[in-house]
PDB file of N, CA and C in Angstrom:
ATOM      1  N   MET A   1      94.805 124.028 159.224  1.00  0.00           N
ATOM      2  CA  MET A   1      95.360 124.377 157.913  1.00  0.00           C
ATOM      3  C   MET A   1      96.944 124.078 157.835  1.00  0.00           C
ATOM      4  N   SER A   2      97.303 123.472 156.887  1.00  0.00           N
ATOM      5  CA  SER A   2      98.639 123.048 156.641  1.00  0.00           C
ATOM      6  C   SER A   2      99.328 124.228 156.274  1.00  0.00           C
ATOM      7  N   PRO A   3     100.935 124.157 156.708  1.00  0.00           N
ATOM      8  CA  PRO A   3     101.530 125.397 156.136  1.00  0.00           C
ATOM      9  C   PRO A   3     101.328 125.702 154.701  1.00  0.00           C
ATOM     10  N   LYS A   4     101.447 124.570 154.011  1.00  0.00           N
ATOM     11  CA  LYS A   4     101.350 124.851 152.231  1.00  0.00           C
ATOM     12  C   LYS A   4      99.946 125.447 152.230  1.00  0.00           C
ATOM     13  N   GLU A   5      98.952 125.124 152.606  1.00  0.00           N
ATOM     14  CA  GLU A   5      97.598 125.735 152.428  1.00  0.00           C
ATOM     15  C   GLU A   5      97.656 127.404 152.711  1.00  0.00           C
ATOM     16  N   GLN A   6      98.529 127.603 153.928  1.00  0.00           N
ATOM     17  CA  GLN A   6      98.541 128.793 154.487  1.00  0.00           C
ATOM     18  C   GLN A   6      99.277 129.577 153.350  1.00  0.00           C
ATOM     19  N   GLY A   7     100.543 129.157 152.748  1.00  0.00           N
ATOM     20  CA  GLY A   7     101.239 129.690 151.996  1.00  0.00           C
ATOM     21  C   GLY A   7     100.671 130.019 150.764  1.00  0.00           C
ATOM     22  N   VAL A   8      99.708 129.153 150.280  1.00  0.00           N
ATOM     23  CA  VAL A   8      98.934 129.376 148.942  1.00  0.00           C
ATOM     24  C   VAL A   8      97.795 130.583 149.113  1.00  0.00           C
ATOM     25  N   GLN A   9      97.335 130.435 150.241  1.00  0.00           N
ATOM     26  CA  GLN A   9      96.347 131.680 150.614  1.00  0.00           C
ATOM     27  C   GLN A   9      97.161 132.928 150.557  1.00  0.00           C
ATOM     28  N   ILE A  10      98.204 133.064 151.086  1.00  0.00           N
ATOM     29  CA  ILE A  10      99.055 134.317 151.308  1.00  0.00           C
ATOM     30  C   ILE A  10      99.334 134.733 149.817  1.00  0.00           C
ATOM     31  N   ILE A  11      99.967 133.794 149.046  1.00  0.00           N
ATOM     32  CA  ILE A  11     100.225 134.110 147.695  1.00  0.00           C
ATOM     33  C   ILE A  11      99.127 134.430 146.793  1.00  0.00           C
ATOM     34  N   SER A  12      97.857 134.031 146.846  1.00  0.00           N
ATOM     35  CA  SER A  12      96.933 134.196 146.184  1.00  0.00           C
ATOM     36  C   SER A  12      96.466 135.736 146.693  1.00  0.00           C
ATOM     37  N   ALA A  13      96.397 135.820 147.941  1.00  0.00           N
ATOM     38  CA  ALA A  13      95.869 137.210 148.461  1.00  0.00           C
ATOM     39  C   ALA A  13      96.895 138.306 147.884  1.00  0.00           C
ATOM     40  N   TYR A  14      98.180 138.232 147.884  1.00  0.00           N
ATOM     41  CA  TYR A  14      99.275 139.157 147.455  1.00  0.00           C
ATOM     42  C   TYR A  14      99.154 139.181 145.951  1.00  0.00           C
ATOM     43  N   ASP A  15      98.828 138.159 145.258  1.00  0.00           N
ATOM     44  CA  ASP A  15      98.594 138.267 143.641  1.00  0.00           C
ATOM     45  C   ASP A  15      97.399 139.321 143.358  1.00  0.00           C
ATOM     46  N   GLN A  16      96.385 138.887 144.128  1.00  0.00           N
ATOM     47  CA  GLN A  16      95.261 139.542 143.804  1.00  0.00           C
ATOM     48  C   GLN A  16      95.461 141.280 144.096  1.00  0.00           C
ATOM     49  N   GLY A  17      95.954 141.469 145.417  1.00  0.00           N
ATOM     50  CA  GLY A  17      96.303 142.978 145.763  1.00  0.00           C
ATOM     51  C   GLY A  17      97.157 143.492 144.603  1.00  0.00           C
ATOM     52  N   PHE A  18      98.107 142.738 144.037  1.00  0.00           N
ATOM     53  CA  PHE A  18      99.079 143.279 143.279  1.00  0.00           C
ATOM     54  C   PHE A  18      98.439 143.788 141.927  1.00  0.00           C
ATOM     55  N   LYS A  19      97.434 142.590 141.177  1.00  0.00           N
ATOM     56  CA  LYS A  19      96.793 143.128 140.302  1.00  0.00           C
ATOM     57  C   LYS A  19      95.870 144.142 140.395  1.00  0.00           C
ATOM     58  N   SER A  20      95.083 144.258 141.523  1.00  0.00           N
ATOM     59  CA  SER A  20      94.054 145.162 141.889  1.00  0.00           C
ATOM     60  C   SER A  20      94.754 146.758 142.005  1.00  0.00           C
ATOM     61  N   THR A  21      95.971 146.640 142.443  1.00  0.00           N
ATOM     62  CA  THR A  21      96.782 147.730 142.557  1.00  0.00           C
ATOM     63  C   THR A  21      97.121 148.331 141.221  1.00  0.00           C
ATOM     64  N   ASN A  22      97.666 147.395 140.348  1.00  0.00           N
ATOM     65  CA  ASN A  22      97.919 147.830 138.789  1.00  0.00           C
ATOM     66  C   ASN A  22      96.820 148.048 137.775  1.00  0.00           C
ATOM     67  N   GLY A  23      95.743 147.736 138.423  1.00  0.00           N
ATOM     68  CA  GLY A  23      94.382 147.845 137.596  1.00  0.00           C
ATOM     69  C   GLY A  23      94.233 146.834 136.563  1.00  0.00           C
ATOM     70  N   LEU A  24      94.816 145.680 137.053  1.00  0.00           N
ATOM     71  CA  LEU A  24      94.747 144.650 135.960  1.00  0.00           C
ATOM     72  C   LEU A  24      93.600 143.635 136.261  1.00  0.00           C
ATOM     73  N   ASP A  25      93.127 142.828 135.286  1.00  0.00           N
ATOM     74  CA  ASP A  25      91.995 141.843 135.787  1.00  0.00           C
ATOM     75  C   ASP A  25      92.485 140.699 136.297  1.00  0.00           C
ATOM     76  N   ALA A  26      91.916 140.421 137.481  1.00  0.00           N
ATOM     77  CA  ALA A  26      92.409 139.103 138.183  1.00  0.00           C
ATOM     78  C   ALA A  26      92.485 137.868 137.437  1.00  0.00           C
TER      79      ALA A  26
END
């Protein structure tokens, strides 16, 4: 896995967690 791919996965997971925490639809 390239650093770029890893970064995208981290951002995606953070974004999903942020929306989930705020009760927003993904």
